[in-house]
Every structure is written in structure tokens, then in C-alpha cells.
């Protein structure tokens, strides 16, 4: 099963979608789903002494300008195992440049997390959460030669929903034969 493609399209909306976890909160291992096989592949260990502050993955049935599904950071009460599908809603997104290209990280909350589902916008979160995310994405590639990132800022839930809608439409165009 390839989780990039196997989630039902009607289950994916900008307001409520399944996210696939690739990397658990607290991990320094960078995993990615192989586009062809759907297998979870170890890409590398982070070169810095940092770890992912929250669960990280992608939104199935979306496609972004970088040739991958849309990235998602899932804020939850604990680590979620890789390859788990989690029903989420967006509260905003981080906008950054990765290798000179604009890159969006949707920030999402699981519907079934009794602590985090009280948050519905980035402004609801403790200020430190945004600072921690910002810091991670500024430094996580610093020791990798030739790789650079720049955090441009945060956008609200409406902007995140527009990015998801665009990602869903781009997936439909890219994979219309599936």
C-alpha cells in the first residue's frame, strides 16, 4: 500500500484530512515515503544535535511544487508511530525557503487529541511552541554542506486551507490517471 495515493480522495478536504506520519516527535532520523513503492526509507540522520519537535509527515492526495506531497507538522500529546494515519485539521502554516525554493509546512492538530484539539489557531498556542518550530527549521540542516533553509514566517489557518486546496488540485492534475 502506498499511502501517498491510497487514502480516499473524498476523505481529504482543507478542513479535515488524514496526515501520514513519517517521523515521530523526538526523532533525529529523517524518513521519507518512497514514491514508487510506498516503503518508509531512512533518508539520513540529522547532522545537527536537534530532533523533530513534533510529528512530521505529509498529507496524502496532495502534491507540492517540490515534487512531494504537502508537508505537515502534527502537534500532539505524544509521539505517533511512522506510517500512522491521523485525522487532522489545520491551524496555520510555516512558510520557509528550503534550498532556495518556497516550502510550506502545514501545522495541524489531531481531532482525537483531548489536549491539543482545544487549539484552533496559531494564536491559541503557547508562544514557545511557535518559537520551537521556528528554531528547528532554521537550524536542522545547518551542518549539511550545500543545504540551507530560511524561515519566512507563519500564516493563519485560512492560508493553510488554501495551500491544502491547491495541493489537492495539483495532485489531481499530476495523477489524473490513478
Protein backbone atom coordinates (compact mmCIF):
# COMPACT_ATOMS: atom_id res chain seq x y z
CA UNK A 1 0.00 0.00 0.00
CA UNK A 2 1.33 3.43 -0.93
CA UNK A 3 -0.06 5.99 1.50
CA UNK A 4 0.68 8.87 -0.88
CA UNK A 5 -2.10 7.57 -3.13
CA UNK A 6 -4.29 5.11 -1.18
CA UNK A 7 -6.35 7.43 1.04
CA UNK A 8 -9.79 8.08 -0.47
CA UNK A 9 -9.93 11.48 -2.15
CA UNK A 10 -13.26 12.39 -0.55
CA UNK A 11 -11.65 11.89 2.89
CA UNK A 12 -9.25 14.76 2.14
CA UNK A 13 -10.56 18.31 2.47
CA UNK A 14 -8.79 21.50 3.52
CA UNK A 15 -10.76 21.48 6.78
CA UNK A 16 -10.29 17.81 7.72
CA UNK A 17 -7.73 15.42 6.28
CA UNK A 18 -5.66 12.36 7.04
CA UNK A 19 -1.99 13.06 7.60
CA UNK A 20 0.61 10.30 7.34
CA UNK A 21 3.37 10.37 9.94
CA UNK A 22 6.87 9.77 8.57
CA UNK A 23 8.87 10.98 11.58
CA UNK A 24 7.82 10.72 15.23
CA UNK A 25 8.23 13.64 17.60
CA UNK A 26 11.63 13.45 19.28
CA UNK A 27 13.36 11.60 16.43
CA UNK A 28 16.60 12.67 14.75
CA UNK A 29 16.08 10.14 11.94
CA UNK A 30 14.73 11.63 8.69
CA UNK A 31 12.42 9.15 6.96
CA UNK A 32 10.61 9.60 3.66
CA UNK A 33 7.98 7.58 1.83
CA UNK A 34 9.36 6.16 -1.41
CA UNK A 35 7.15 7.48 -4.22
CA UNK A 36 7.18 4.22 -6.19
CA UNK A 37 6.88 1.50 -3.55
CA UNK A 38 5.32 3.38 -0.64
CA UNK A 39 8.03 1.97 1.66
CA UNK A 40 9.32 4.09 4.52
CA UNK A 41 13.01 4.76 3.77
CA UNK A 42 15.64 6.18 6.11
CA UNK A 43 16.91 9.24 4.24
CA UNK A 44 19.51 10.28 6.83
CA UNK A 45 20.08 11.17 10.44
CA UNK A 46 20.05 14.89 11.11
CA UNK A 47 23.57 16.33 11.08
CA UNK A 48 22.73 18.71 13.94
CA UNK A 49 22.06 17.76 17.55
CA UNK A 50 18.39 18.60 17.10
CA UNK A 51 15.31 16.41 16.89
CA UNK A 52 11.87 16.87 15.38
CA UNK A 53 9.83 18.86 17.91
CA UNK A 54 6.54 17.36 16.71
CA UNK A 55 5.35 14.52 14.49
CA UNK A 56 6.16 15.23 10.84
CA UNK A 57 4.82 13.80 7.64
CA UNK A 58 2.66 14.56 4.64
CA UNK A 59 -0.92 14.97 3.52
CA UNK A 60 -1.92 12.11 1.17
CA UNK A 61 -3.54 13.04 -2.16
CA UNK A 62 -1.71 16.41 -2.22
CA UNK A 63 1.22 17.49 -4.36
CA UNK A 64 3.54 20.45 -3.81
CA UNK A 65 5.97 22.39 -6.01
CA UNK A 66 8.92 20.40 -4.62
CA UNK A 67 7.66 17.16 -6.21
CA UNK A 68 6.41 15.66 -2.94
CA UNK A 69 3.13 15.62 -1.05
CA UNK A 70 2.43 18.68 1.10
CA UNK A 71 4.39 18.61 4.38
CA UNK A 72 2.59 18.60 7.71
CA UNK A 73 3.68 19.08 11.31
CA UNK A 74 1.25 17.35 13.68
CA UNK A 75 1.10 18.79 17.18
CA UNK A 76 0.00 16.10 19.62
CA UNK A 77 0.32 14.94 23.21
CA UNK A 78 3.00 12.41 22.27
CA UNK A 79 4.94 10.71 19.50
CA UNK A 80 2.91 8.91 16.83
CA UNK A 81 4.43 5.87 15.10
CA UNK A 82 5.58 6.26 11.49
CA UNK A 83 3.05 5.30 8.80
CA UNK A 84 0.09 6.01 11.09
CA UNK A 85 -2.75 7.97 9.51
CA UNK A 86 -4.10 10.73 11.74
CA UNK A 87 -7.30 12.70 11.06
CA UNK A 88 -6.34 16.37 11.49
CA UNK A 89 -7.41 19.95 10.97
CA UNK A 90 -5.08 22.86 10.10
CA UNK A 91 -4.39 25.78 12.42
CA UNK A 92 -1.80 27.55 10.26
CA UNK A 93 1.39 27.01 8.34
CA UNK A 94 5.06 27.81 8.44
CA UNK A 95 6.38 29.41 5.26
CA UNK A 96 10.05 28.88 4.54
CA UNK A 97 12.64 28.55 1.82
CA UNK A 98 14.44 25.24 1.52
CA UNK A 99 17.26 25.18 -1.00
CA UNK A 100 16.03 28.50 -2.38
CA UNK A 101 12.50 27.19 -3.06
CA UNK A 102 9.38 28.22 -1.15
CA UNK A 103 8.18 25.41 1.10
CA UNK A 104 5.05 25.19 3.25
CA UNK A 105 4.70 23.20 6.46
CA UNK A 106 1.04 22.83 7.39
CA UNK A 107 0.60 22.90 11.17
CA UNK A 108 -2.19 20.53 12.16
CA UNK A 109 -3.97 19.15 15.19
CA UNK A 110 -5.42 15.62 15.55
CA UNK A 111 -9.16 15.59 16.11
CA UNK A 112 -8.68 12.82 18.71
CA UNK A 113 -6.18 14.55 21.00
CA UNK A 114 -8.07 15.89 24.04
CA UNK A 115 -5.33 18.39 24.92
CA UNK A 116 -4.36 19.79 21.53
CA UNK A 117 -7.84 19.83 19.98
CA UNK A 118 -8.61 22.85 22.16
CA UNK A 119 -6.35 24.84 19.79
CA UNK A 120 -7.89 26.21 16.59
CA UNK A 121 -5.38 28.85 15.51
CA UNK A 122 -1.69 29.53 15.90
CA UNK A 123 -2.52 32.34 18.33
CA UNK A 124 -4.15 29.79 20.66
CA UNK A 125 -0.81 28.01 21.15
CA UNK A 126 1.70 28.92 23.83
CA UNK A 127 4.23 31.31 22.25
CA UNK A 128 7.06 28.88 22.93
CA UNK A 129 5.59 26.24 20.58
CA UNK A 130 5.97 28.56 17.57
CA UNK A 131 9.47 29.57 18.69
CA UNK A 132 10.50 25.92 18.97
CA UNK A 133 9.19 25.08 15.49
CA UNK A 134 10.80 28.19 14.04
CA UNK A 135 14.15 27.35 15.63
CA UNK A 136 14.11 23.74 14.46
CA UNK A 137 13.51 24.62 10.82
CA UNK A 138 16.18 27.34 10.94
CA UNK A 139 18.93 25.02 12.20
CA UNK A 140 18.13 21.41 11.27
CA UNK A 141 20.17 21.48 8.05
CA UNK A 142 22.94 23.87 9.15
CA UNK A 143 25.71 21.26 9.26
CA UNK A 144 24.79 19.72 5.89
CA UNK A 145 27.04 21.07 3.17
CA UNK A 146 25.19 22.95 0.46
CA UNK A 147 21.82 22.87 2.23
CA UNK A 148 20.21 25.99 3.61
CA UNK A 149 16.83 26.95 5.00
CA UNK A 150 15.20 30.26 5.77
CA UNK A 151 12.06 30.68 7.85
CA UNK A 152 9.87 33.41 6.35
CA UNK A 153 7.09 33.35 8.94
CA UNK A 154 3.70 31.94 9.81
CA UNK A 155 0.33 32.21 8.08
CA UNK A 156 -3.11 31.54 9.53
CA UNK A 157 -5.50 28.60 9.15
CA UNK A 158 -7.22 30.13 6.11
CA UNK A 159 -3.89 30.35 4.27
CA UNK A 160 -3.14 26.74 5.26
CA UNK A 161 -6.54 25.64 3.91
CA UNK A 162 -5.81 27.43 0.60
CA UNK A 163 -2.43 25.67 0.39
CA UNK A 164 -4.11 22.31 1.04
CA UNK A 165 -6.77 23.04 -1.60
CA UNK A 166 -4.00 23.89 -4.10
CA UNK A 167 -2.12 20.72 -3.12
CA UNK A 168 -5.23 18.57 -3.64
CA UNK A 169 -5.84 20.18 -7.05
CA UNK A 170 -2.20 19.72 -8.06
CA UNK A 171 -2.36 16.05 -7.05
CA UNK A 172 -5.49 15.60 -9.18
CA UNK A 173 -3.72 17.18 -12.18
CA UNK A 174 -0.47 15.26 -11.67
CA UNK A 175 -2.05 11.86 -11.05
CA UNK A 176 -5.31 12.11 -13.00
CA UNK A 177 -4.87 8.55 -14.30
CA UNK A 178 -4.96 7.00 -10.80
